[in-house]
Amino acid sequence: MPKTRIPLLKEDKPSKRRNRRMIIILLLLFVALLAVIFFRSSISKITAINVEGDKYTVREKLLAASGLRIGGQFFAVSSDTVEQAVKELDTVQEAEVAKKFPGVVTISIKEYPAVAYELYQAGVLEAILSSGAAVSVTDTGIAVEKPILTNWKADDPYKAKLCQALAGIPNELTSDISEIVPSPTPSFPDRIKLYTRSRFEVITAISLLKDKVGYLNQVIETEEPGLIRMLEADSYVPFHKETVNTGDEEDTQE
């Protein structure tokens, strides 16, 4: 009996490829639809902005600098970009941004330290930071161990240099200084006068202060109140032996 051959059916390969392509397109459309729905929903938006460490920095200015806002896109926020923008503020030394899904952004800042205070005629007290920035301390209180700057012009370039010098000196070496006033001379345009809580008067220069402050504290701890000069040479004279000089005579000597 002859064998009957059953013809093999040919696979429709182009048809299968078309079906596979169609499935992929539908999946992509579905994913795109989900993405549109997600990014339009409240879960993809910023719902809370927390700020930490802002003692001197005005929060409104910080948020404006950061570019963040409630309702903004959470996933569009670049932590590095926000950190760099916030550090442009003259009160902010360091910044770190942390994102927590859903919708919470936390900005942690480290501010420049207060190195002095300045009292104006209107009774307004401002903290002077090591960056040279002046900020109101009405609501933050003051640290009594910081010196007060008096008779300084706002645009005096030596004022910023003084703040930088004070920032580089440990607090325990400046805690006795109560007041710092400018006292320039032709020889020392950055000359200053210091007044201490222990009733010493000190004449020095901003450029010398960091190197000379050790001598200042040595005299304060061991001697009675008097006049201390810390310029090219150091000297100390008790007040009862100090000859009273006029400002012109003092400038001539120095």
Protein backbone atom coordinates (compact mmCIF):
# COMPACT_ATOMS: atom_id res chain seq x y z
CA MET A 1 0.00 0.00 0.00
CA PRO A 2 1.60 3.27 -1.10
CA LYS A 3 2.48 5.81 1.62
CA THR A 4 0.60 9.08 1.53
CA ARG A 5 2.77 12.15 2.14
CA ILE A 6 1.19 14.98 4.05
CA PRO A 7 2.52 18.32 2.78
CA LEU A 8 4.23 20.50 5.41
CA LEU A 9 2.60 23.83 6.12
CA LYS A 10 4.90 26.77 5.62
CA GLU A 11 5.19 29.18 8.55
CA ASP A 12 4.05 32.67 7.87
CA LYS A 13 7.20 34.40 9.23
CA PRO A 14 6.32 37.93 8.09
CA SER A 15 2.96 37.63 9.86
CA LYS A 16 4.63 36.66 13.16
CA ARG A 17 7.05 39.57 12.90
CA ARG A 18 4.19 41.96 12.33
CA ASN A 19 2.36 40.62 15.39
CA ARG A 20 5.49 40.97 17.53
CA ARG A 21 6.03 44.53 16.32
CA MET A 22 2.42 45.37 17.05
CA ILE A 23 2.73 44.01 20.60
CA ILE A 24 5.87 46.08 21.21
CA ILE A 25 4.18 49.23 19.91
CA LEU A 26 1.17 48.64 22.14
CA LEU A 27 3.42 48.09 25.15
CA LEU A 28 5.31 51.31 24.42
CA LEU A 29 2.06 53.22 24.06
CA PHE A 30 0.84 51.74 27.33
CA VAL A 31 4.06 52.72 29.13
CA ALA A 32 3.91 56.22 27.65
CA LEU A 33 0.31 56.57 28.79
CA LEU A 34 1.25 55.47 32.30
CA ALA A 35 4.15 57.94 32.32
CA VAL A 36 1.87 60.82 31.29
CA ILE A 37 -0.65 59.90 33.97
CA PHE A 38 2.11 59.56 36.59
CA PHE A 39 3.81 62.88 35.85
CA ARG A 40 0.48 64.68 35.87
CA SER A 41 -0.49 63.20 39.20
CA SER A 42 0.28 64.74 42.58
CA ILE A 43 2.56 61.84 43.53
CA SER A 44 5.24 63.05 41.09
CA LYS A 45 5.27 66.61 42.42
CA ILE A 46 7.09 68.28 45.31
CA THR A 47 4.78 68.30 48.31
CA ALA A 48 7.16 69.50 51.05
CA ILE A 49 10.42 71.48 51.22
CA ASN A 50 12.28 71.26 54.51
CA VAL A 51 15.17 73.58 55.41
CA GLU A 52 17.66 72.76 58.17
CA GLY A 53 20.41 74.92 59.68
CA ASP A 54 18.99 78.30 58.63
CA LYS A 55 19.78 80.52 61.61
CA TYR A 56 20.88 83.59 59.66
CA THR A 57 19.66 82.79 56.15
CA VAL A 58 16.25 84.17 55.18
CA ARG A 59 14.21 81.14 54.15
CA GLU A 60 12.43 82.97 51.34
CA LYS A 61 15.77 83.95 49.79
CA LEU A 62 17.07 80.41 50.14
CA LEU A 63 14.02 78.91 48.41
CA ALA A 64 14.21 81.52 45.65
CA ALA A 65 17.88 80.67 45.07
CA SER A 66 17.16 76.93 45.05
CA GLY A 67 14.48 77.22 42.36
CA LEU A 68 12.28 74.77 44.27
CA ARG A 69 8.57 75.24 44.76
CA ILE A 70 5.67 73.24 46.06
CA GLY A 71 4.00 71.59 43.07
CA GLY A 72 7.19 71.46 41.01
CA GLN A 73 8.35 68.21 39.42
CA PHE A 74 10.06 66.03 42.02
CA PHE A 75 12.08 64.04 39.49
CA ALA A 76 13.23 67.18 37.65
CA VAL A 77 15.17 68.35 40.73
CA SER A 78 18.94 67.95 40.46
CA SER A 79 20.47 67.80 43.93
CA ASP A 80 23.86 69.02 42.69
CA THR A 81 22.34 71.99 40.87
CA VAL A 82 20.30 73.07 43.89
CA GLU A 83 23.32 72.71 46.20
CA GLN A 84 25.48 74.92 43.98
CA ALA A 85 22.72 77.54 43.68
CA VAL A 86 22.18 77.70 47.44
CA LYS A 87 25.92 78.06 48.11
CA GLU A 88 25.86 81.27 46.05
CA LEU A 89 24.16 82.95 49.03
CA ASP A 90 26.66 84.92 51.11
CA THR A 91 25.41 83.30 54.32
CA VAL A 92 25.78 79.67 53.19
CA GLN A 93 29.10 77.87 53.44
CA GLU A 94 27.94 74.32 52.62
CA ALA A 95 24.70 72.80 51.36
CA GLU A 96 23.28 69.31 50.94
CA VAL A 97 20.02 68.33 49.25
CA ALA A 98 18.21 65.06 49.99
CA LYS A 99 15.15 63.80 48.12
CA LYS A 100 12.68 61.35 49.65
CA PHE A 101 9.90 59.90 47.54
CA PRO A 102 7.12 60.81 47.42
CA GLY A 103 7.60 64.55 47.09
CA VAL A 104 9.82 65.55 50.03
CA VAL A 105 12.98 67.63 49.48
CA THR A 106 15.24 68.57 52.40
CA ILE A 107 17.91 71.29 52.15
CA SER A 108 20.52 71.14 54.92
CA ILE A 109 22.91 74.09 55.11
CA LYS A 110 25.96 75.05 57.12
CA GLU A 111 26.17 78.80 57.49
CA TYR A 112 29.27 80.95 57.81
CA PRO A 113 29.90 81.52 61.52
CA ALA A 114 29.18 84.86 63.19
CA VAL A 115 32.49 86.50 64.10
CA ALA A 116 31.24 89.88 65.34
CA TYR A 117 28.21 92.12 65.71
CA GLU A 118 27.51 95.65 64.54
CA LEU A 119 25.24 98.14 66.27
CA TYR A 120 23.75 100.98 64.25
CA GLN A 121 22.46 104.34 65.51
CA ALA A 122 18.87 103.22 65.00
CA GLY A 123 19.48 100.44 67.51
CA VAL A 124 19.58 97.73 64.86
CA LEU A 125 21.97 94.91 65.73
CA GLU A 126 23.41 92.76 62.95
CA ALA A 127 25.62 89.70 63.03
CA ILE A 128 28.71 89.89 60.84
CA LEU A 129 29.54 86.50 59.36
CA SER A 130 33.01 85.33 58.33
CA SER A 131 31.97 85.86 54.70
CA GLY A 132 31.40 89.55 55.45
CA ALA A 133 27.61 89.24 55.22
CA ALA A 134 25.57 91.29 57.68
CA VAL A 135 22.31 89.75 58.89
CA SER A 136 19.72 90.85 61.39
CA VAL A 137 19.76 89.06 64.74
CA THR A 138 16.43 90.35 66.03
CA ASP A 139 14.91 86.88 66.16
CA THR A 140 18.01 84.74 66.64
CA GLY A 141 19.67 86.27 69.70
CA ILE A 142 23.35 87.05 70.08
CA ALA A 143 26.45 85.36 71.41
CA VAL A 144 27.81 87.74 74.03
CA GLU A 145 31.40 86.56 73.56
CA LYS A 146 31.61 88.10 70.08
CA PRO A 147 33.06 91.62 69.63
CA ILE A 148 30.96 94.53 68.38
CA LEU A 149 32.21 96.53 65.39
CA THR A 150 31.67 100.29 65.65
CA ASN A 151 32.35 103.23 63.32
CA TRP A 152 32.91 101.00 60.28
CA LYS A 153 31.71 102.17 56.87
CA ALA A 154 29.64 99.65 54.95
CA ASP A 155 32.00 99.77 51.96
CA ASP A 156 35.24 99.61 53.97
CA PRO A 157 37.29 96.82 52.32
CA TYR A 158 39.14 96.18 55.58
CA LYS A 159 35.90 95.23 57.28
CA ALA A 160 35.64 92.02 55.25
CA LYS A 161 39.33 91.29 55.90
CA LEU A 162 38.75 91.74 59.61
CA CYS A 163 35.87 89.22 59.50
CA GLN A 164 38.10 86.72 57.70
CA ALA A 165 40.85 87.23 60.28
CA LEU A 166 38.42 86.74 63.18
CA ALA A 167 37.07 83.57 61.57
CA GLY A 168 40.56 82.07 61.63
CA ILE A 169 41.07 82.68 65.36
CA PRO A 170 39.66 80.26 67.99
CA ASN A 171 36.76 81.68 69.99
CA GLU A 172 38.61 81.37 73.28
CA LEU A 173 41.23 83.84 72.02
CA THR A 174 38.69 86.51 71.04
CA SER A 175 36.05 86.04 73.74
CA ASP A 176 37.46 88.93 75.84
CA ILE A 177 37.33 91.43 72.96
CA SER A 178 34.25 93.62 73.37
CA GLU A 179 34.69 96.24 70.65
CA ILE A 180 36.73 96.82 67.49
CA VAL A 181 37.00 100.22 65.78
CA PRO A 182 38.99 101.27 62.71
CA SER A 183 42.05 103.43 63.40
CA PRO A 184 44.03 103.68 60.14
CA THR A 185 47.34 105.49 59.75
CA PRO A 186 49.54 106.07 56.66
CA SER A 187 51.88 103.32 57.86
CA PHE A 188 49.09 100.91 58.78
CA PRO A 189 45.93 101.54 56.73
CA ASP A 190 44.41 98.42 58.32
CA ARG A 191 45.16 99.51 61.88
CA ILE A 192 42.42 98.88 64.45
CA LYS A 193 41.75 99.49 68.11
CA LEU A 194 40.38 96.76 70.34
CA TYR A 195 38.70 97.17 73.69
CA THR A 196 38.45 94.18 76.01
CA ARG A 197 36.00 93.23 78.73
CA SER A 198 38.94 93.08 81.11
CA ARG A 199 39.52 96.85 80.43
CA PHE A 200 42.55 96.67 78.16
CA GLU A 201 42.98 98.90 75.10
CA VAL A 202 44.80 97.30 72.20
CA ILE A 203 46.32 98.81 69.06
CA THR A 204 47.13 96.41 66.23
CA ALA A 205 46.51 95.79 62.52
CA ILE A 206 44.11 93.39 60.83
CA SER A 207 46.96 91.75 58.92
CA LEU A 208 48.79 91.09 62.21
CA LEU A 209 45.87 90.12 64.43
CA LYS A 210 45.98 86.36 63.89
CA ASP A 211 49.70 86.17 64.71
CA LYS A 212 49.56 88.65 67.61
CA VAL A 213 46.44 87.47 69.44
CA GLY A 214 48.46 84.95 71.46
CA TYR A 215 50.53 87.77 72.96
CA LEU A 216 47.34 89.70 73.69
CA ASN A 217 45.88 86.88 75.76
CA GLN A 218 49.17 86.31 77.55
CA VAL A 219 49.21 89.93 78.74
CA ILE A 220 45.51 89.94 79.66
CA GLU A 221 45.93 86.83 81.81
CA THR A 222 49.01 88.05 83.71
CA GLU A 223 48.92 91.86 83.84
CA GLU A 224 46.69 94.65 85.11
CA PRO A 225 44.66 96.72 82.60
CA GLY A 226 46.74 98.87 80.29
CA LEU A 227 47.60 99.76 76.71
CA ILE A 228 48.87 96.98 74.46
CA ARG A 229 50.53 97.74 71.12
CA MET A 230 50.91 94.87 68.70
CA LEU A 231 52.39 96.28 65.50
CA GLU A 232 55.94 95.76 64.25
CA ALA A 233 56.91 95.28 67.88
CA ASP A 234 54.82 94.34 70.90
CA SER A 235 54.60 96.48 74.02
CA TYR A 236 52.48 96.82 77.12
CA VAL A 237 52.15 99.73 79.54
CA PRO A 238 49.76 99.80 82.52
CA PHE A 239 47.30 102.68 82.39
CA HIS A 240 48.72 104.37 85.47
CA LYS A 241 52.10 104.63 83.67
CA GLU A 242 50.77 105.41 80.21
CA THR A 243 51.23 108.99 79.03
CA VAL A 244 48.10 110.27 77.38
CA ASN A 245 48.82 111.09 73.72
CA THR A 246 46.77 112.87 71.15
CA GLY A 247 45.67 111.01 68.04
CA ASP A 248 48.23 112.90 65.92
CA GLU A 249 51.09 112.03 68.24
CA GLU A 250 50.08 108.41 68.22
CA ASP A 251 49.92 108.34 64.42
CA THR A 252 53.37 109.93 64.22
CA GLN A 253 54.86 107.28 66.46
CA GLU A 254 53.35 104.48 64.44
